[in-house]
Every structure is written in structure tokens, then in C-alpha cells.
Amino acid sequence: MPVTTYAVSGMSCGHCRATLTKVIGELDDVSGVEVDLGTGQVTVTTATAEPDDDRIAEVVDEAGYELTARV
């Protein structure tokens, strides 16, 4: 299972964590999402293939945050 970490700006609270966990978790092939508010990082686990960075960036942006880098 591939694990990929992203830097995301704009996260500051439990609501941010819940929102990003939900929107990223709804993507095809995503089997896990961990949001670390302290580091500003989101770790995505996928079931079979590398995650679609563009699609993840899109849902993060739609939720009001910004994916700034793949860590």
C-alpha cells in the first residue's frame, strides 16, 4: 500500500482535520488519511496505486486549503 505525504496550508483546528479526512478519504483507492495539524502534513494511504496528486490537490483546494508540496 503506497503512503504519500503532502504539505497543506490553512489547517488549524479539528474541523480542518475532519474536513480533509472526509474529502480525501472519499477519493477512489484511498484507504487511509492522517492529518497532522502540528506539522501541516496530510498522509494518504492508497490501496493499490500511487495517489493522483492533481485530484488530491483539487479536493483540498475545493475544501478551502492549499496543497503546497509532496513531502
PDB file of N, CA and C in Angstrom:
ATOM      1  N   MET A   1       0.837  -1.181   0.000  1.00  0.00           N
ATOM      2  CA  MET A   1       0.000   0.000   0.000  1.00  0.00           C
ATOM      3  C   MET A   1       0.884   1.247   0.000  1.00  0.00           C
ATOM      4  N   PRO A   2       0.831   2.022  -1.059  1.00  0.00           N
ATOM      5  CA  PRO A   2       1.617   3.259  -1.117  1.00  0.00           C
ATOM      6  C   PRO A   2       1.149   4.285  -0.083  1.00  0.00           C
ATOM      7  N   VAL A   3       2.115   4.958   0.541  1.00  0.00           N
ATOM      8  CA  VAL A   3       1.840   6.012   1.503  1.00  0.00           C
ATOM      9  C   VAL A   3       2.529   7.276   0.998  1.00  0.00           C
ATOM     10  N   THR A   4       1.776   8.366   0.895  1.00  0.00           N
ATOM     11  CA  THR A   4       2.303   9.622   0.371  1.00  0.00           C
ATOM     12  C   THR A   4       1.944  10.742   1.329  1.00  0.00           C
ATOM     13  N   THR A   5       2.895  11.643   1.584  1.00  0.00           N
ATOM     14  CA  THR A   5       2.660  12.761   2.487  1.00  0.00           C
ATOM     15  C   THR A   5       2.702  14.068   1.709  1.00  0.00           C
ATOM     16  N   TYR A   6       1.762  14.943   2.047  1.00  0.00           N
ATOM     17  CA  TYR A   6       1.646  16.252   1.404  1.00  0.00           C
ATOM     18  C   TYR A   6       1.710  17.353   2.455  1.00  0.00           C
ATOM     19  N   ALA A   7       2.270  18.495   2.077  1.00  0.00           N
ATOM     20  CA  ALA A   7       2.203  19.694   2.907  1.00  0.00           C
ATOM     21  C   ALA A   7       0.946  20.457   2.490  1.00  0.00           C
ATOM     22  N   VAL A   8       0.144  20.823   3.482  1.00  0.00           N
ATOM     23  CA  VAL A   8      -1.109  21.529   3.213  1.00  0.00           C
ATOM     24  C   VAL A   8      -1.167  22.766   4.101  1.00  0.00           C
ATOM     25  N   SER A   9      -1.437  23.919   3.509  1.00  0.00           N
ATOM     26  CA  SER A   9      -1.531  25.150   4.293  1.00  0.00           C
ATOM     27  C   SER A   9      -2.993  25.485   4.567  1.00  0.00           C
ATOM     28  N   GLY A  10      -3.187  26.222   5.664  1.00  0.00           N
ATOM     29  CA  GLY A  10      -4.527  26.680   6.020  1.00  0.00           C
ATOM     30  C   GLY A  10      -5.225  25.836   7.067  1.00  0.00           C
ATOM     31  N   MET A  11      -4.604  24.751   7.524  1.00  0.00           N
ATOM     32  CA  MET A  11      -5.218  23.891   8.534  1.00  0.00           C
ATOM     33  C   MET A  11      -4.869  24.422   9.926  1.00  0.00           C
ATOM     34  N   SER A  12      -5.885  24.469  10.813  1.00  0.00           N
ATOM     35  CA  SER A  12      -5.586  24.981  12.149  1.00  0.00           C
ATOM     36  C   SER A  12      -6.401  24.355  13.273  1.00  0.00           C
ATOM     37  N   CYS A  13      -7.386  23.505  12.953  1.00  0.00           N
ATOM     38  CA  CYS A  13      -8.264  23.019  14.023  1.00  0.00           C
ATOM     39  C   CYS A  13      -8.828  21.636  13.702  1.00  0.00           C
ATOM     40  N   GLY A  14      -9.587  21.120  14.642  1.00  0.00           N
ATOM     41  CA  GLY A  14     -10.206  19.819  14.469  1.00  0.00           C
ATOM     42  C   GLY A  14     -11.161  19.769  13.293  1.00  0.00           C
ATOM     43  N   HIS A  15     -11.842  20.878  13.017  1.00  0.00           N
ATOM     44  CA  HIS A  15     -12.736  20.923  11.854  1.00  0.00           C
ATOM     45  C   HIS A  15     -11.941  20.749  10.570  1.00  0.00           C
ATOM     46  N   CYS A  16     -10.772  21.375  10.496  1.00  0.00           N
ATOM     47  CA  CYS A  16      -9.903  21.231   9.326  1.00  0.00           C
ATOM     48  C   CYS A  16      -9.521  19.763   9.146  1.00  0.00           C
ATOM     49  N   ARG A  17      -9.132  19.135  10.246  1.00  0.00           N
ATOM     50  CA  ARG A  17      -8.740  17.724  10.208  1.00  0.00           C
ATOM     51  C   ARG A  17      -9.895  16.869   9.696  1.00  0.00           C
ATOM     52  N   ALA A  18     -11.080  17.084  10.246  1.00  0.00           N
ATOM     53  CA  ALA A  18     -12.252  16.290   9.855  1.00  0.00           C
ATOM     54  C   ALA A  18     -12.614  16.508   8.396  1.00  0.00           C
ATOM     55  N   THR A  19     -12.567  17.752   7.950  1.00  0.00           N
ATOM     56  CA  THR A  19     -12.921  18.071   6.565  1.00  0.00           C
ATOM     57  C   THR A  19     -11.976  17.395   5.589  1.00  0.00           C
ATOM     58  N   LEU A  20     -10.672  17.535   5.812  1.00  0.00           N
ATOM     59  CA  LEU A  20      -9.701  16.942   4.889  1.00  0.00           C
ATOM     60  C   LEU A  20      -9.730  15.423   4.933  1.00  0.00           C
ATOM     61  N   THR A  21      -9.927  14.862   6.107  1.00  0.00           N
ATOM     62  CA  THR A  21     -10.035  13.405   6.204  1.00  0.00           C
ATOM     63  C   THR A  21     -11.213  12.917   5.381  1.00  0.00           C
ATOM     64  N   LYS A  22     -12.325  13.637   5.436  1.00  0.00           N
ATOM     65  CA  LYS A  22     -13.526  13.241   4.702  1.00  0.00           C
ATOM     66  C   LYS A  22     -13.343  13.376   3.190  1.00  0.00           C
ATOM     67  N   VAL A  23     -12.914  14.564   2.721  1.00  0.00           N
ATOM     68  CA  VAL A  23     -12.877  14.788   1.268  1.00  0.00           C
ATOM     69  C   VAL A  23     -11.806  13.955   0.579  1.00  0.00           C
ATOM     70  N   ILE A  24     -10.666  13.781   1.215  1.00  0.00           N
ATOM     71  CA  ILE A  24      -9.617  12.949   0.613  1.00  0.00           C
ATOM     72  C   ILE A  24     -10.004  11.477   0.725  1.00  0.00           C
ATOM     73  N   GLY A  25     -10.579  11.101   1.847  1.00  0.00           N
ATOM     74  CA  GLY A  25     -10.981   9.714   2.066  1.00  0.00           C
ATOM     75  C   GLY A  25     -12.040   9.219   1.107  1.00  0.00           C
ATOM     76  N   GLU A  26     -12.809  10.133   0.519  1.00  0.00           N
ATOM     77  CA  GLU A  26     -13.848   9.759  -0.442  1.00  0.00           C
ATOM     78  C   GLU A  26     -13.304   9.456  -1.836  1.00  0.00           C
ATOM     79  N   LEU A  27     -12.034   9.770  -2.081  1.00  0.00           N
ATOM     80  CA  LEU A  27     -11.449   9.515  -3.397  1.00  0.00           C
ATOM     81  C   LEU A  27     -11.250   8.023  -3.629  1.00  0.00           C
ATOM     82  N   ASP A  28     -11.381   7.622  -4.890  1.00  0.00           N
ATOM     83  CA  ASP A  28     -11.168   6.225  -5.255  1.00  0.00           C
ATOM     84  C   ASP A  28      -9.775   5.768  -4.835  1.00  0.00           C
ATOM     85  N   ASP A  29      -9.686   4.578  -4.317  1.00  0.00           N
ATOM     86  CA  ASP A  29      -8.445   3.892  -3.959  1.00  0.00           C
ATOM     87  C   ASP A  29      -7.801   4.400  -2.667  1.00  0.00           C
ATOM     88  N   VAL A  30      -8.328   5.473  -2.053  1.00  0.00           N
ATOM     89  CA  VAL A  30      -7.763   5.954  -0.792  1.00  0.00           C
ATOM     90  C   VAL A  30      -8.272   5.068   0.336  1.00  0.00           C
ATOM     91  N   SER A  31      -7.331   4.498   1.091  1.00  0.00           N
ATOM     92  CA  SER A  31      -7.716   3.607   2.182  1.00  0.00           C
ATOM     93  C   SER A  31      -7.450   4.209   3.556  1.00  0.00           C
ATOM     94  N   GLY A  32      -6.741   5.347   3.603  1.00  0.00           N
ATOM     95  CA  GLY A  32      -6.481   5.998   4.880  1.00  0.00           C
ATOM     96  C   GLY A  32      -5.978   7.415   4.714  1.00  0.00           C
ATOM     97  N   VAL A  33      -6.340   8.274   5.673  1.00  0.00           N
ATOM     98  CA  VAL A  33      -5.907   9.674   5.670  1.00  0.00           C
ATOM     99  C   VAL A  33      -5.548  10.049   7.099  1.00  0.00           C
ATOM    100  N   GLU A  34      -4.353  10.605   7.289  1.00  0.00           N
ATOM    101  CA  GLU A  34      -3.940  11.106   8.592  1.00  0.00           C
ATOM    102  C   GLU A  34      -3.554  12.568   8.435  1.00  0.00           C
ATOM    103  N   VAL A  35      -4.155  13.431   9.256  1.00  0.00           N
ATOM    104  CA  VAL A  35      -3.891  14.864   9.202  1.00  0.00           C
ATOM    105  C   VAL A  35      -3.148  15.261  10.473  1.00  0.00           C
ATOM    106  N   ASP A  36      -1.974  15.868  10.312  1.00  0.00           N
ATOM    107  CA  ASP A  36      -1.178  16.340  11.444  1.00  0.00           C
ATOM    108  C   ASP A  36      -1.176  17.864  11.421  1.00  0.00           C
ATOM    109  N   LEU A  37      -1.971  18.457  12.298  1.00  0.00           N
ATOM    110  CA  LEU A  37      -2.080  19.917  12.322  1.00  0.00           C
ATOM    111  C   LEU A  37      -0.771  20.575  12.735  1.00  0.00           C
ATOM    112  N   GLY A  38      -0.009  19.924  13.607  1.00  0.00           N
ATOM    113  CA  GLY A  38       1.248  20.483  14.092  1.00  0.00           C
ATOM    114  C   GLY A  38       2.286  20.676  12.999  1.00  0.00           C
ATOM    115  N   THR A  39       2.357  19.721  12.089  1.00  0.00           N
ATOM    116  CA  THR A  39       3.349  19.806  11.009  1.00  0.00           C
ATOM    117  C   THR A  39       2.757  20.353   9.718  1.00  0.00           C
ATOM    118  N   GLY A  40       1.426  20.423   9.645  1.00  0.00           N
ATOM    119  CA  GLY A  40       0.779  20.870   8.412  1.00  0.00           C
ATOM    120  C   GLY A  40       0.867  19.826   7.309  1.00  0.00           C
ATOM    121  N   GLN A  41       0.916  18.555   7.712  1.00  0.00           N
ATOM    122  CA  GLN A  41       1.055  17.492   6.725  1.00  0.00           C
ATOM    123  C   GLN A  41      -0.145  16.555   6.736  1.00  0.00           C
ATOM    124  N   VAL A  42      -0.458  16.048   5.547  1.00  0.00           N
ATOM    125  CA  VAL A  42      -1.524  15.074   5.371  1.00  0.00           C
ATOM    126  C   VAL A  42      -0.900  13.842   4.725  1.00  0.00           C
ATOM    127  N   THR A  43      -1.082  12.689   5.363  1.00  0.00           N
ATOM    128  CA  THR A  43      -0.547  11.432   4.845  1.00  0.00           C
ATOM    129  C   THR A  43      -1.694  10.612   4.286  1.00  0.00           C
ATOM    130  N   VAL A  44      -1.546  10.201   3.036  1.00  0.00           N
ATOM    131  CA  VAL A  44      -2.593   9.472   2.324  1.00  0.00           C
ATOM    132  C   VAL A  44      -2.083   8.065   2.007  1.00  0.00           C
ATOM    133  N   THR A  45      -2.872   7.074   2.377  1.00  0.00           N
ATOM    134  CA  THR A  45      -2.567   5.684   2.061  1.00  0.00           C
ATOM    135  C   THR A  45      -3.550   5.232   0.991  1.00  0.00           C
ATOM    136  N   THR A  46      -3.021   4.624  -0.067  1.00  0.00           N
ATOM    137  CA  THR A  46      -3.875   4.119  -1.134  1.00  0.00           C
ATOM    138  C   THR A  46      -3.772   2.597  -1.176  1.00  0.00           C
ATOM    139  N   ALA A  47      -4.832   1.980  -1.674  1.00  0.00           N
ATOM    140  CA  ALA A  47      -4.920   0.520  -1.654  1.00  0.00           C
ATOM    141  C   ALA A  47      -3.993  -0.145  -2.665  1.00  0.00           C
ATOM    142  N   THR A  48      -3.859   0.431  -3.854  1.00  0.00           N
ATOM    143  CA  THR A  48      -3.093  -0.265  -4.885  1.00  0.00           C
ATOM    144  C   THR A  48      -2.055   0.583  -5.595  1.00  0.00           C
ATOM    145  N   ALA A  49      -2.404   1.767  -6.020  1.00  0.00           N
ATOM    146  CA  ALA A  49      -1.511   2.566  -6.862  1.00  0.00           C
ATOM    147  C   ALA A  49      -1.131   3.866  -6.169  1.00  0.00           C
ATOM    148  N   GLU A  50      -0.151   4.556  -6.747  1.00  0.00           N
ATOM    149  CA  GLU A  50       0.208   5.883  -6.268  1.00  0.00           C
ATOM    150  C   GLU A  50      -1.018   6.785  -6.356  1.00  0.00           C
ATOM    151  N   PRO A  51      -1.186   7.705  -5.396  1.00  0.00           N
ATOM    152  CA  PRO A  51      -2.340   8.591  -5.456  1.00  0.00           C
ATOM    153  C   PRO A  51      -2.236   9.578  -6.607  1.00  0.00           C
ATOM    154  N   ASP A  52      -3.379  10.072  -7.041  1.00  0.00           N
ATOM    155  CA  ASP A  52      -3.449  11.073  -8.096  1.00  0.00           C
ATOM    156  C   ASP A  52      -3.253  12.441  -7.442  1.00  0.00           C
ATOM    157  N   ASP A  53      -2.020  12.957  -7.510  1.00  0.00           N
ATOM    158  CA  ASP A  53      -1.693  14.222  -6.858  1.00  0.00           C
ATOM    159  C   ASP A  53      -2.611  15.354  -7.302  1.00  0.00           C
ATOM    160  N   ASP A  54      -2.910  15.425  -8.583  1.00  0.00           N
ATOM    161  CA  ASP A  54      -3.757  16.500  -9.098  1.00  0.00           C
ATOM    162  C   ASP A  54      -5.159  16.424  -8.512  1.00  0.00           C
ATOM    163  N   ARG A  55      -5.703  15.227  -8.413  1.00  0.00           N
ATOM    164  CA  ARG A  55      -7.060  15.054  -7.865  1.00  0.00           C
ATOM    165  C   ARG A  55      -7.074  15.382  -6.374  1.00  0.00           C
ATOM    166  N   ILE A  56      -6.041  14.979  -5.652  1.00  0.00           N
ATOM    167  CA  ILE A  56      -5.965  15.310  -4.227  1.00  0.00           C
ATOM    168  C   ILE A  56      -5.849  16.819  -4.052  1.00  0.00           C
ATOM    169  N   ALA A  57      -5.014  17.465  -4.843  1.00  0.00           N
ATOM    170  CA  ALA A  57      -4.880  18.921  -4.769  1.00  0.00           C
ATOM    171  C   ALA A  57      -6.212  19.604  -5.064  1.00  0.00           C
ATOM    172  N   GLU A  58      -6.960  19.062  -6.008  1.00  0.00           N
ATOM    173  CA  GLU A  58      -8.253  19.635  -6.379  1.00  0.00           C
ATOM    174  C   GLU A  58      -9.247  19.581  -5.215  1.00  0.00           C
ATOM    175  N   VAL A  59      -9.380  18.427  -4.553  1.00  0.00           N
ATOM    176  CA  VAL A  59     -10.353  18.336  -3.457  1.00  0.00           C
ATOM    177  C   VAL A  59      -9.887  19.131  -2.241  1.00  0.00           C
ATOM    178  N   VAL A  60      -8.577  19.210  -2.016  1.00  0.00           N
ATOM    179  CA  VAL A  60      -8.047  20.027  -0.923  1.00  0.00           C
ATOM    180  C   VAL A  60      -8.383  21.497  -1.183  1.00  0.00           C
ATOM    181  N   ASP A  61      -8.185  21.953  -2.412  1.00  0.00           N
ATOM    182  CA  ASP A  61      -8.496  23.328  -2.794  1.00  0.00           C
ATOM    183  C   ASP A  61      -9.992  23.615  -2.655  1.00  0.00           C
ATOM    184  N   GLU A  62     -10.823  22.684  -3.119  1.00  0.00           N
ATOM    185  CA  GLU A  62     -12.278  22.860  -3.023  1.00  0.00           C
ATOM    186  C   GLU A  62     -12.734  22.959  -1.570  1.00  0.00           C
ATOM    187  N   ALA A  63     -11.988  22.336  -0.664  1.00  0.00           N
ATOM    188  CA  ALA A  63     -12.326  22.380   0.760  1.00  0.00           C
ATOM    189  C   ALA A  63     -11.818  23.662   1.435  1.00  0.00           C
ATOM    190  N   GLY A  64     -11.040  24.474   0.698  1.00  0.00           N
ATOM    191  CA  GLY A  64     -10.587  25.747   1.226  1.00  0.00           C
ATOM    192  C   GLY A  64      -9.157  25.761   1.748  1.00  0.00           C
ATOM    193  N   TYR A  65      -8.378  24.758   1.392  1.00  0.00           N
ATOM    194  CA  TYR A  65      -6.992  24.657   1.819  1.00  0.00           C
ATOM    195  C   TYR A  65      -6.100  24.605   0.586  1.00  0.00           C
ATOM    196  N   GLU A  66      -4.787  24.590   0.800  1.00  0.00           N
ATOM    197  CA  GLU A  66      -3.878  24.548  -0.349  1.00  0.00           C
ATOM    198  C   GLU A  66      -2.817  23.473  -0.158  1.00  0.00           C
ATOM    199  N   LEU A  67      -2.769  22.547  -1.106  1.00  0.00           N
ATOM    200  CA  LEU A  67      -1.719  21.544  -1.113  1.00  0.00           C
ATOM    201  C   LEU A  67      -0.489  22.238  -1.704  1.00  0.00           C
ATOM    202  N   THR A  68       0.566  22.374  -0.906  1.00  0.00           N
ATOM    203  CA  THR A  68       1.730  23.151  -1.349  1.00  0.00           C
ATOM    204  C   THR A  68       2.873  22.294  -1.873  1.00  0.00           C
ATOM    205  N   ALA A  69       2.935  21.014  -1.443  1.00  0.00           N
ATOM    206  CA  ALA A  69       4.051  20.171  -1.898  1.00  0.00           C
ATOM    207  C   ALA A  69       3.793  18.714  -1.542  1.00  0.00           C
ATOM    208  N   ARG A  70       4.455  17.849  -2.287  1.00  0.00           N
ATOM    209  CA  ARG A  70       4.521  16.442  -1.914  1.00  0.00           C
ATOM    210  C   ARG A  70       5.800  16.291  -1.104  1.00  0.00           C
ATOM    211  N   VAL A  71       5.696  15.786   0.102  1.00  0.00           N
ATOM    212  CA  VAL A  71       6.847  15.750   1.014  1.00  0.00           C
ATOM    213  C   VAL A  71       7.610  14.456   0.827  1.00  0.00           C
TER     214      VAL A  71
END
